[in-house]
Every structure is written in C-alpha cells, then in structure tokens.
C-alpha cells in the first residue's frame, strides 16, 4: 500500500463506529505489512501507530490494538525500519507509558535487538535502560529484572565500556540470590569474568573463567574456549607466587593440553624463558584490550613476559649483572633493574640489588608480601647466613658454659669472669 492509501484508510477508520474499529484496524495492519514496499513500510506503520494511539480511541480500544501492532513490529526483518518505527512509537507512548507498560517493554526489547544487529551496542544498552522495572501496574520478577540487566551488561562489554557494565552487574548481584534461571546465573559469571578481564584484573578473571569452564550446562566447545581465556589471563597476570598457584591449577587441568594456549602455559609453569617467536605467536590470539599500552609504554603482554623471564632467570642464576640481565630480557640495563626492583619491593621476587657493583642477587621464591622497609630490601642472603652462624655459635658457647658450671662448679668460680 502507498502512503496516501494508508492515510485515507486511517481517516475512515477514525470516523467509523467504535465497535467495528478493532477488526478493521487489524485487517488494515495485516494489509500494510504484507503489501507495502520497504520504502514506505516505516512511515505507514508510524501512521498506523499514531492513529490507534490517538484521541479518537480510548485505552480499552488502544491497548489490544497496540498489542497486535507490537507482534507485527517484532517480526520486522529490516533493522533500520525497526529502529525508525520503534523510536517514534516510544515517543508517542512516553506521556502515558503507565497505561502501556507491557507493550512499551516489548518494543524496547525488540528495538534493542535492532541496534545490536547494526552493532550499535551503546544504543541498545540505552534503550534497555529505559525499561520500567519497578512498576505498580505489573509484577516483575527478579529473574526478569536480572535478564534485562544482563543484556545491558553484555551490550556495554561489546562496546568496550566495563565501567557501565560493572554498574549494571552490581544490580544483578543484588538480586542474584533470588534468581532461579540457570542461564542468567551463568551469564552473570561470564560477564563478571569479562569485566575483570577488561579491567586487567587478570588473576581474578582467570579464576572466574576457569569456574565457568566446569559448568555442565555449557556446550563442551564453549567450555574449552572459556578455559583458553582462563589460560590467557593467567599468562598476562603479574608474575609472582599468586600467579604461580593459578598456573599450577590450570596446568593440572586434564583438558588444558587440548587448548591452543597450552604451549605457553607449560613453558611459563616450568619456568622456562620465553623466546620472541613464542611471544609473537601467542600475541595473535589476544583481544584488543589485552594489547593495550601500560604506563611505561609497553603492552600488557610485553610486561608479563618480561616479568616472567626475570623470574625464570632467578631460577638459573644466583646473581647477574644489570647489563647481562638486560641482554637476557631484551631490554636495556636500566629497565631490567627497574623491573627487578619493583618485583622485589612487591614481594614477587626474592633478592636484593647492589647498585654500586650493578648486580642483582636472587634468593629463591618471593613471599608475595610487599616490602616497605629499605633495610629489608638491602639485607642479603650472605648477611642473614652470617647472623645465623653467629647466633648458633653463641648458643653453643652458652651450652658449654652451663655444662661446666653444673659439672665443675669450683673451676667455674675460679676461671669465669663476673
């Protein structure tokens, strides 16, 4: 139907008897959808919606007509038409949305789908945010609320906006205890992992991904994919005792050997120094946010690899010069010293630095506890050994003195100074 034909038919309907309008409106709607060209479909549907929601029809007539319209609207194939029509209908409904909450919600959900189809995830999220979830007109379960909030979270994650995603994930967290739907709970876990991943909290993200990989309700292929994400996050995490525990847990997972990232996981777990070729191959599997630059200008991966290789070097050497360490790590001596100092200070590497002789002395496993006193950083293994030997010698002398006093009291009195 052409636009003039639709407008003429609508004018006639508005002047027709009220009891015959519903049937005639529905007939016209079917005709518009089936016979209108793509070019005129949007304007015709908008004209139809304006008519059924106009002053000539009361709420009793408008509500079922709008419900029928919404069903046809949700079946539209063209995303642009759906956005054009949905946006205008929502504008018409806004002043009296309380009377049409259910239809308003369905239109917004379908409009959000259209935005997602066009990869406008921010637009999709903003539409979903306007859905009324605290209503006095209809009962909305915690499951329904959580499903809407999870959709918003996923849209913001696709738009690379973890801040807004986290805000709505917290909404879900507040009602999660009452949510019954397993799929919603699973999406919560996965969304939480993705947010932690986006915020570069890689150890926490790895643990969350690993937990999801055990969910029986998830397809086997998807579980392995999530396990791969857990391994990737563990590799990118700061080197140290905490990451070592995470790597051990993943390495012992029987499924890990089937994952593409297993090669680099094994080398890191076994404290082997990574070559540039191995790092470059792993880099091709990373997502965009995992390739972001850090404060010192290096990427997240470059920093993680440098820290790992430094930790691996501490297994091979008792001590090493700044220049030699720089060559081993592929950086200059100053940067090698800076990374070592930072890791020692944070308790991720045990050792101390002699800046006069330009040497780093390694002392085994890091404690994982941050060191705050300069003296703790300066005292090395040799000094502590000397202290222990002196203490042991003093204890032995004390034992001998006590033994002499007990067995030869006269000799003790004559010869021991007071």
Protein backbone atom coordinates (compact mmCIF):
# COMPACT_ATOMS: atom_id res chain seq x y z
CA UNK A 1 0.00 0.00 0.00
CA UNK A 2 1.13 3.53 -0.72
CA UNK A 3 1.29 6.18 2.00
CA UNK A 4 -1.76 8.14 0.68
CA UNK A 5 -3.86 4.95 0.65
CA UNK A 6 -2.94 4.16 4.25
CA UNK A 7 -3.68 7.70 5.43
CA UNK A 8 -7.07 7.63 3.69
CA UNK A 9 -7.94 4.27 5.26
CA UNK A 10 -6.93 5.51 8.72
CA UNK A 11 -9.09 8.64 8.41
CA UNK A 12 -12.08 6.49 7.53
CA UNK A 13 -11.39 4.19 10.50
CA UNK A 14 -11.21 7.08 12.95
CA UNK A 15 -14.68 8.22 11.84
CA UNK A 16 -16.17 4.71 11.89
CA UNK A 17 -18.27 3.24 14.75
CA UNK A 18 -16.16 2.29 17.78
CA UNK A 19 -17.42 -1.31 17.95
CA UNK A 20 -16.18 -2.12 14.43
CA UNK A 21 -12.78 -0.45 14.67
CA UNK A 22 -10.67 -3.24 16.26
CA UNK A 23 -11.40 -5.73 13.48
CA UNK A 24 -10.91 -3.15 10.73
CA UNK A 25 -7.68 -1.85 12.29
CA UNK A 26 -6.22 -5.37 12.49
CA UNK A 27 -7.21 -6.05 8.89
CA UNK A 28 -5.51 -2.84 7.78
CA UNK A 29 -2.37 -3.71 9.78
CA UNK A 30 -2.07 -7.08 8.06
CA UNK A 31 -2.52 -5.40 4.69
CA UNK A 32 0.16 -2.77 5.46
CA UNK A 33 2.70 -5.41 6.49
CA UNK A 34 2.04 -7.73 3.55
CA UNK A 35 1.64 -5.27 0.66
CA UNK A 36 3.71 -2.17 1.49
CA UNK A 37 7.11 -1.71 -0.15
CA UNK A 38 10.18 -1.50 2.07
CA UNK A 39 10.47 2.20 1.27
CA UNK A 40 7.03 3.06 2.66
CA UNK A 41 6.72 0.40 5.38
CA UNK A 42 8.23 2.55 8.13
CA UNK A 43 6.09 5.68 7.53
CA UNK A 44 2.93 3.57 7.11
CA UNK A 45 3.46 1.72 10.39
CA UNK A 46 4.17 5.00 12.18
CA UNK A 47 0.96 6.49 10.78
CA UNK A 48 -0.94 3.40 11.93
CA UNK A 49 0.52 3.63 15.46
CA UNK A 50 -0.30 7.35 15.68
CA UNK A 51 -3.88 6.55 14.71
CA UNK A 52 -4.53 3.73 17.20
CA UNK A 53 -2.95 5.79 19.99
CA UNK A 54 -4.78 8.95 19.00
CA UNK A 55 -7.52 10.74 20.91
CA UNK A 56 -10.28 9.05 18.89
CA UNK A 57 -9.52 5.71 20.58
CA UNK A 58 -9.74 5.10 24.31
CA UNK A 59 -7.33 2.93 26.31
CA UNK A 60 -9.71 -0.03 26.21
CA UNK A 61 -9.56 0.02 22.40
CA UNK A 62 -5.93 1.11 22.04
CA UNK A 63 -4.31 -1.48 24.31
CA UNK A 64 -5.28 -4.67 22.38
CA UNK A 65 -4.64 -2.89 19.07
CA UNK A 66 -1.17 -1.89 20.25
CA UNK A 67 -0.53 -5.47 21.43
CA UNK A 68 -1.30 -6.74 17.90
CA UNK A 69 0.89 -4.00 16.42
CA UNK A 70 3.80 -4.99 18.70
CA UNK A 71 3.65 -8.60 17.49
CA UNK A 72 3.90 -7.46 13.87
CA UNK A 73 6.62 -4.97 14.79
CA UNK A 74 8.76 -7.65 16.43
CA UNK A 75 8.63 -9.70 13.21
CA UNK A 76 10.05 -6.91 11.02
CA UNK A 77 13.20 -8.06 9.23
CA UNK A 78 14.89 -4.75 8.42
CA UNK A 79 16.75 -3.33 11.43
CA UNK A 80 16.66 0.26 10.17
CA UNK A 81 12.88 0.12 9.70
CA UNK A 82 12.51 -1.36 13.16
CA UNK A 83 14.56 1.48 14.66
CA UNK A 84 12.63 4.13 12.74
CA UNK A 85 9.23 2.78 13.78
CA UNK A 86 10.17 1.80 17.34
CA UNK A 87 11.72 5.17 18.15
CA UNK A 88 8.63 7.07 17.01
CA UNK A 89 6.15 4.76 18.78
CA UNK A 90 8.08 5.10 22.05
CA UNK A 91 7.89 8.89 21.71
CA UNK A 92 4.10 8.63 21.36
CA UNK A 93 3.84 6.30 24.35
CA UNK A 94 6.10 8.27 26.68
CA UNK A 95 3.47 10.66 28.16
CA UNK A 96 1.20 7.74 29.11
CA UNK A 97 3.58 4.81 29.36
CA UNK A 98 1.97 3.72 32.65
CA UNK A 99 -1.07 2.55 30.68
CA UNK A 100 1.00 0.56 28.18
CA UNK A 101 3.96 -0.76 30.20
CA UNK A 102 3.92 -4.30 28.82
CA UNK A 103 3.80 -3.15 25.18
CA UNK A 104 6.40 -0.46 25.89
CA UNK A 105 8.77 -3.10 27.29
CA UNK A 106 8.35 -5.42 24.31
CA UNK A 107 9.00 -2.60 21.84
CA UNK A 108 12.16 -1.57 23.70
CA UNK A 109 13.46 -5.14 23.79
CA UNK A 110 12.89 -5.51 20.05
CA UNK A 111 14.35 -2.07 19.34
CA UNK A 112 17.44 -3.07 21.32
CA UNK A 113 17.76 -6.20 19.14
CA UNK A 114 17.75 -3.97 16.06
CA UNK A 115 20.53 -1.77 17.44
CA UNK A 116 22.56 -4.88 18.28
CA UNK A 117 22.05 -6.20 14.76
CA UNK A 118 23.64 -2.99 13.48
CA UNK A 119 26.39 -3.35 16.13
CA UNK A 120 25.31 -0.17 17.91
CA UNK A 121 25.69 -1.72 21.35
CA UNK A 122 25.67 1.56 23.22
CA UNK A 123 22.33 2.46 21.61
CA UNK A 124 20.95 -0.97 22.51
CA UNK A 125 22.00 -0.58 26.14
CA UNK A 126 20.48 2.90 26.44
CA UNK A 127 17.12 1.64 25.15
CA UNK A 128 17.11 -1.25 27.64
CA UNK A 129 17.94 1.14 30.48
CA UNK A 130 14.62 2.95 29.94
CA UNK A 131 12.53 -0.18 30.60
CA UNK A 132 10.41 0.25 33.73
CA UNK A 133 11.42 -2.46 36.22
CA UNK A 134 9.82 -1.01 39.36
CA UNK A 135 6.17 -0.93 38.41
CA UNK A 136 2.97 -0.72 40.39
CA UNK A 137 0.97 -1.83 37.34
CA UNK A 138 2.52 -5.28 36.83
CA UNK A 139 4.60 -7.79 38.77
CA UNK A 140 8.20 -8.06 37.59
CA UNK A 141 10.18 -11.00 38.96
CA UNK A 142 13.85 -10.88 39.95
CA UNK A 143 14.54 -13.23 37.04
CA UNK A 144 13.03 -10.75 34.57
CA UNK A 145 14.98 -7.86 36.08
CA UNK A 146 18.23 -9.82 36.03
CA UNK A 147 17.75 -10.79 32.37
CA UNK A 148 17.34 -7.14 31.34
CA UNK A 149 20.35 -6.04 33.39
CA UNK A 150 22.50 -8.86 31.99
CA UNK A 151 21.58 -7.76 28.46
CA UNK A 152 22.69 -4.22 29.33
CA UNK A 153 25.95 -5.56 30.78
CA UNK A 154 26.69 -7.57 27.65
CA UNK A 155 25.95 -4.60 25.39
CA UNK A 156 28.36 -2.39 27.31
CA UNK A 157 31.00 -5.11 27.22
CA UNK A 158 30.65 -5.34 23.44
CA UNK A 159 31.04 -1.56 23.36
CA UNK A 160 34.24 -1.89 25.45
CA UNK A 161 32.74 0.03 28.38
CA UNK A 162 33.49 -2.07 31.50
CA UNK A 163 32.64 0.81 33.87
CA UNK A 164 28.96 0.97 32.89
CA UNK A 165 28.90 -2.81 32.55
CA UNK A 166 30.09 -3.18 36.15
CA UNK A 167 27.40 -0.77 37.35
CA UNK A 168 24.61 -2.96 35.97
CA UNK A 169 26.34 -6.17 37.00
CA UNK A 170 26.09 -4.87 40.57
CA UNK A 171 22.32 -4.54 40.02
CA UNK A 172 22.23 -8.24 39.13
CA UNK A 173 24.39 -9.10 42.13
CA UNK A 174 21.78 -7.57 44.45
CA UNK A 175 19.06 -9.99 43.28
CA UNK A 176 21.18 -12.98 42.24
CA UNK A 177 20.28 -14.97 45.34
CA UNK A 178 16.62 -14.98 44.26
CA UNK A 179 17.27 -15.70 40.56
CA UNK A 180 16.19 -19.20 39.51
CA UNK A 181 17.16 -19.21 35.83
CA UNK A 182 20.46 -21.09 35.36
CA UNK A 183 21.26 -19.33 32.08
CA UNK A 184 21.04 -15.93 33.80
CA UNK A 185 23.35 -17.06 36.59
CA UNK A 186 25.80 -18.43 34.06
CA UNK A 187 25.77 -15.19 32.07
CA UNK A 188 26.43 -13.32 35.31
CA UNK A 189 29.56 -15.41 35.95
CA UNK A 190 30.78 -14.99 32.39
CA UNK A 191 30.07 -11.25 32.36
CA UNK A 192 31.91 -10.84 35.64
CA UNK A 193 34.93 -12.63 34.16
CA UNK A 194 34.84 -10.44 31.05
CA UNK A 195 34.69 -7.25 33.14
CA UNK A 196 37.66 -8.34 35.25
CA UNK A 197 39.48 -9.21 32.03
CA UNK A 198 38.69 -5.77 30.53
CA UNK A 199 39.91 -4.05 33.70
CA UNK A 200 43.17 -6.05 33.54
CA UNK A 201 42.47 -7.86 36.80
CA UNK A 202 43.81 -10.94 35.10
CA UNK A 203 44.22 -13.29 38.06
CA UNK A 204 40.61 -12.76 39.19
CA UNK A 205 39.41 -13.03 35.58
CA UNK A 206 41.30 -16.29 35.11
CA UNK A 207 39.67 -17.78 38.22
CA UNK A 208 36.20 -16.72 37.01
CA UNK A 209 36.72 -18.10 33.51
CA UNK A 210 38.06 -21.35 34.93
CA UNK A 211 34.97 -21.70 37.11
CA UNK A 212 32.66 -21.21 34.12
CA UNK A 213 34.60 -23.86 32.16
CA UNK A 214 33.32 -26.51 34.58
CA UNK A 215 29.62 -25.64 34.13
CA UNK A 216 27.80 -28.70 32.78
CA UNK A 217 25.09 -26.55 31.15
CA UNK A 218 27.66 -25.01 28.80
CA UNK A 219 28.45 -26.68 25.48
CA UNK A 220 31.74 -28.61 25.51
CA UNK A 221 33.30 -26.47 22.77
CA UNK A 222 32.39 -23.27 24.62
CA UNK A 223 33.79 -24.66 27.87
CA UNK A 224 37.13 -25.27 26.17
CA UNK A 225 37.02 -21.76 24.69
CA UNK A 226 36.46 -20.29 28.16
CA UNK A 227 39.29 -22.44 29.54
CA UNK A 228 41.52 -20.91 26.86
CA UNK A 229 40.54 -17.45 28.12
CA UNK A 230 41.44 -18.52 31.66
CA UNK A 231 44.90 -19.58 30.47
CA UNK A 232 45.37 -16.34 28.52
CA UNK A 233 44.50 -14.21 31.55
CA UNK A 234 46.85 -16.23 33.77
CA UNK A 235 49.70 -15.68 31.29
CA UNK A 236 49.04 -11.92 31.26
CA UNK A 237 48.86 -11.63 35.06
CA UNK A 238 51.79 -10.15 37.03
CA UNK A 239 54.48 -12.77 37.70
CA UNK A 240 54.81 -13.95 41.28
CA UNK A 241 53.66 -16.56 43.83
CA UNK A 242 49.94 -15.86 43.34
CA UNK A 243 50.12 -16.34 39.60
CA UNK A 244 52.22 -19.48 40.10
CA UNK A 245 49.33 -21.07 42.03
CA UNK A 246 46.88 -20.14 39.26
CA UNK A 247 49.19 -21.56 36.59
CA UNK A 248 49.59 -24.79 38.56
CA UNK A 249 45.82 -25.19 38.84
CA UNK A 250 45.37 -24.68 35.09
CA UNK A 251 48.33 -26.88 34.14
CA UNK A 252 46.89 -29.75 36.18
CA UNK A 253 43.52 -29.45 34.42
CA UNK A 254 43.37 -32.50 32.15
CA UNK A 255 41.64 -30.51 29.41
CA UNK A 256 44.39 -27.89 29.20
CA UNK A 257 46.60 -29.96 26.88
CA UNK A 258 43.94 -29.70 24.14
CA UNK A 259 43.92 -25.88 24.24
CA UNK A 260 45.88 -23.76 21.77
CA UNK A 261 47.44 -21.74 24.60
CA UNK A 262 48.80 -24.84 26.38
CA UNK A 263 52.28 -24.45 24.88
CA UNK A 264 52.97 -21.10 26.50
CA UNK A 265 51.21 -22.21 29.72
CA UNK A 266 53.60 -25.15 30.01
CA UNK A 267 56.72 -23.06 29.39
CA UNK A 268 55.70 -20.47 31.98
CA UNK A 269 54.69 -23.10 34.53
CA UNK A 270 58.06 -24.84 34.13
CA UNK A 271 59.90 -21.51 34.49
CA UNK A 272 61.37 -21.57 31.00
CA UNK A 273 62.48 -18.32 29.39
CA UNK A 274 60.14 -17.34 26.54
CA UNK A 275 61.61 -16.54 23.13
CA UNK A 276 60.37 -13.60 20.99
CA UNK A 277 58.93 -16.08 18.46
CA UNK A 278 56.82 -17.81 21.13
CA UNK A 279 55.57 -14.47 22.42
CA UNK A 280 54.67 -13.25 18.93
CA UNK A 281 52.68 -16.42 18.21
CA UNK A 282 50.75 -16.00 21.46
CA UNK A 283 50.11 -12.32 20.73
CA UNK A 284 48.00 -13.23 17.69
CA UNK A 285 45.43 -14.89 20.00
CA UNK A 286 44.89 -11.80 22.19
CA UNK A 287 41.93 -9.43 22.16
CA UNK A 288 42.29 -5.69 21.62
CA UNK A 289 42.14 -4.63 25.28
CA UNK A 290 44.83 -7.20 26.10
CA UNK A 291 47.20 -5.41 23.72
CA UNK A 292 46.78 -2.02 25.42
CA UNK A 293 49.81 0.01 26.50
CA UNK A 294 50.78 0.26 30.17
CA UNK A 295 52.17 3.32 31.96
CA UNK A 296 55.76 2.62 30.87
CA UNK A 297 54.82 2.33 27.19
CA UNK A 298 54.97 -1.47 26.97
CA UNK A 299 51.96 -3.67 26.23
CA UNK A 300 50.35 -5.86 28.87
CA UNK A 301 51.88 -8.91 27.17
CA UNK A 302 55.38 -7.40 26.95
CA UNK A 303 55.29 -6.55 30.64
CA UNK A 304 54.02 -10.01 31.62
CA UNK A 305 56.69 -11.74 29.51
CA UNK A 306 59.48 -9.52 30.84
CA UNK A 307 58.45 -10.23 34.44
CA UNK A 308 58.18 -13.96 33.74
CA UNK A 309 61.61 -14.10 32.09
CA UNK A 310 63.06 -12.19 35.04
CA UNK A 311 61.52 -14.74 37.40
CA UNK A 312 62.84 -17.58 35.21
CA UNK A 313 66.33 -16.00 35.29
CA UNK A 314 66.21 -16.05 39.09
CA UNK A 315 65.90 -19.85 38.88
CA UNK A 316 69.01 -20.09 36.70
CA UNK A 317 71.33 -17.58 38.38
CA UNK A 318 72.31 -16.77 41.95
CA UNK A 319 73.30 -13.30 40.78
CA UNK A 320 73.61 -11.43 37.50
CA UNK A 321 74.80 -8.02 36.33
CA UNK A 322 72.40 -5.35 35.12
CA UNK A 323 73.85 -5.40 31.59
CA UNK A 324 73.74 -9.19 31.27
CA UNK A 325 70.18 -9.29 32.60
CA UNK A 326 69.15 -6.62 30.09
CA UNK A 327 70.54 -8.72 27.23
CA UNK A 328 68.72 -11.79 28.54
CA UNK A 329 65.41 -9.92 28.80
CA UNK A 330 65.84 -7.99 25.55
CA UNK A 331 65.76 -4.56 27.24
CA UNK A 332 68.35 -2.02 28.40
CA UNK A 333 70.10 -2.39 31.76
CA UNK A 334 68.17 0.46 33.43
CA UNK A 335 64.81 -1.06 32.56
CA UNK A 336 65.92 -4.52 33.72
CA UNK A 337 66.99 -3.02 37.07
CA UNK A 338 63.72 -1.09 37.37
CA UNK A 339 61.56 -4.19 36.83
CA UNK A 340 63.66 -6.25 39.25
CA UNK A 341 63.45 -3.54 41.93
CA UNK A 342 59.68 -3.30 41.52
CA UNK A 343 59.16 -7.06 41.76
CA UNK A 344 61.44 -7.34 44.82
CA UNK A 345 59.63 -4.46 46.53
CA UNK A 346 56.23 -6.07 45.86
CA UNK A 347 57.40 -9.43 47.20
CA UNK A 348 57.02 -11.16 43.83
CA UNK A 349 60.77 -11.80 43.58
CA UNK A 350 63.15 -12.58 46.46
CA UNK A 351 66.53 -10.88 46.35
CA UNK A 352 68.39 -7.59 46.65
CA UNK A 353 70.19 -5.13 44.40
CA UNK A 354 73.79 -3.92 44.70
CA UNK A 355 73.73 -0.67 42.73
CA UNK A 356 77.43 0.04 43.33
CA UNK A 357 78.61 -3.15 41.65
CA UNK A 358 75.49 -3.19 39.40
CA UNK A 359 74.44 -6.70 40.40
CA UNK A 360 71.17 -8.37 41.35
CA UNK A 361 71.29 -11.22 43.88
CA UNK A 362 68.42 -13.73 43.82
CA UNK A 363 67.21 -15.51 46.95
CA UNK A 364 64.65 -18.08 45.84
CA UNK A 365 60.86 -17.75 45.99
CA UNK A 366 59.15 -14.42 46.59
CA UNK A 367 56.89 -14.20 49.63
CA UNK A 368 54.10 -12.38 47.85
CA UNK A 369 54.14 -9.73 50.60
CA UNK A 370 55.04 -6.16 49.80
CA UNK A 371 58.28 -4.95 51.37
CA UNK A 372 58.11 -1.46 52.83
CA UNK A 373 61.42 -1.08 54.73
CA UNK A 374 64.64 -0.27 52.94
CA UNK A 375 66.60 -2.43 55.39
CA UNK A 376 64.60 -5.48 54.42
CA UNK A 377 65.47 -4.93 50.79
CA UNK A 378 69.16 -4.27 51.47
CA UNK A 379 69.94 -7.27 53.66
CA UNK A 380 71.07 -10.16 51.51
CA UNK A 381 71.39 -13.87 51.87
CA UNK A 382 75.06 -13.77 52.94
CA UNK A 383 74.37 -11.30 55.76
CA UNK A 384 71.49 -13.39 57.07
CA UNK A 385 73.67 -16.50 56.95
CA UNK A 386 76.38 -14.69 58.94
CA UNK A 387 73.82 -13.64 61.56
CA UNK A 388 72.54 -17.20 61.82
CA UNK A 389 76.07 -18.59 62.25
CA UNK A 390 76.93 -16.04 64.95
CA UNK A 391 73.72 -16.86 66.80
CA UNK A 392 74.42 -20.59 66.55
CA UNK A 393 77.98 -20.13 67.86
CA UNK A 394 76.75 -18.05 70.79
CA UNK A 395 74.19 -20.70 71.68
CA UNK A 396 76.85 -23.44 71.63
CA UNK A 397 79.16 -21.39 73.89
CA UNK A 398 76.26 -20.86 76.28
CA UNK A 399 75.58 -24.61 76.39
CA UNK A 400 79.24 -25.41 77.15
CA UNK A 401 79.39 -22.74 79.85
CA UNK A 402 76.27 -24.13 81.52
CA UNK A 403 77.70 -27.66 81.33
CA UNK A 404 80.97 -26.57 83.02
CA UNK A 405 79.04 -24.75 85.73
CA UNK A 406 76.99 -27.85 86.51
CA UNK A 407 79.84 -30.40 86.46
CA UNK A 408 82.82 -28.32 87.67
CA UNK A 409 81.41 -25.56 89.86
CA UNK A 410 84.78 -24.86 91.57
CA UNK A 411 86.60 -24.47 88.25
CA UNK A 412 83.77 -22.26 87.02
CA UNK A 413 84.04 -19.98 90.07
CA UNK A 414 87.82 -19.66 89.75
CA UNK A 415 88.08 -19.07 86.00
CA UNK A 416 84.87 -17.45 84.74
CA UNK A 417 84.82 -13.67 84.81
CA UNK A 418 81.92 -11.95 86.55
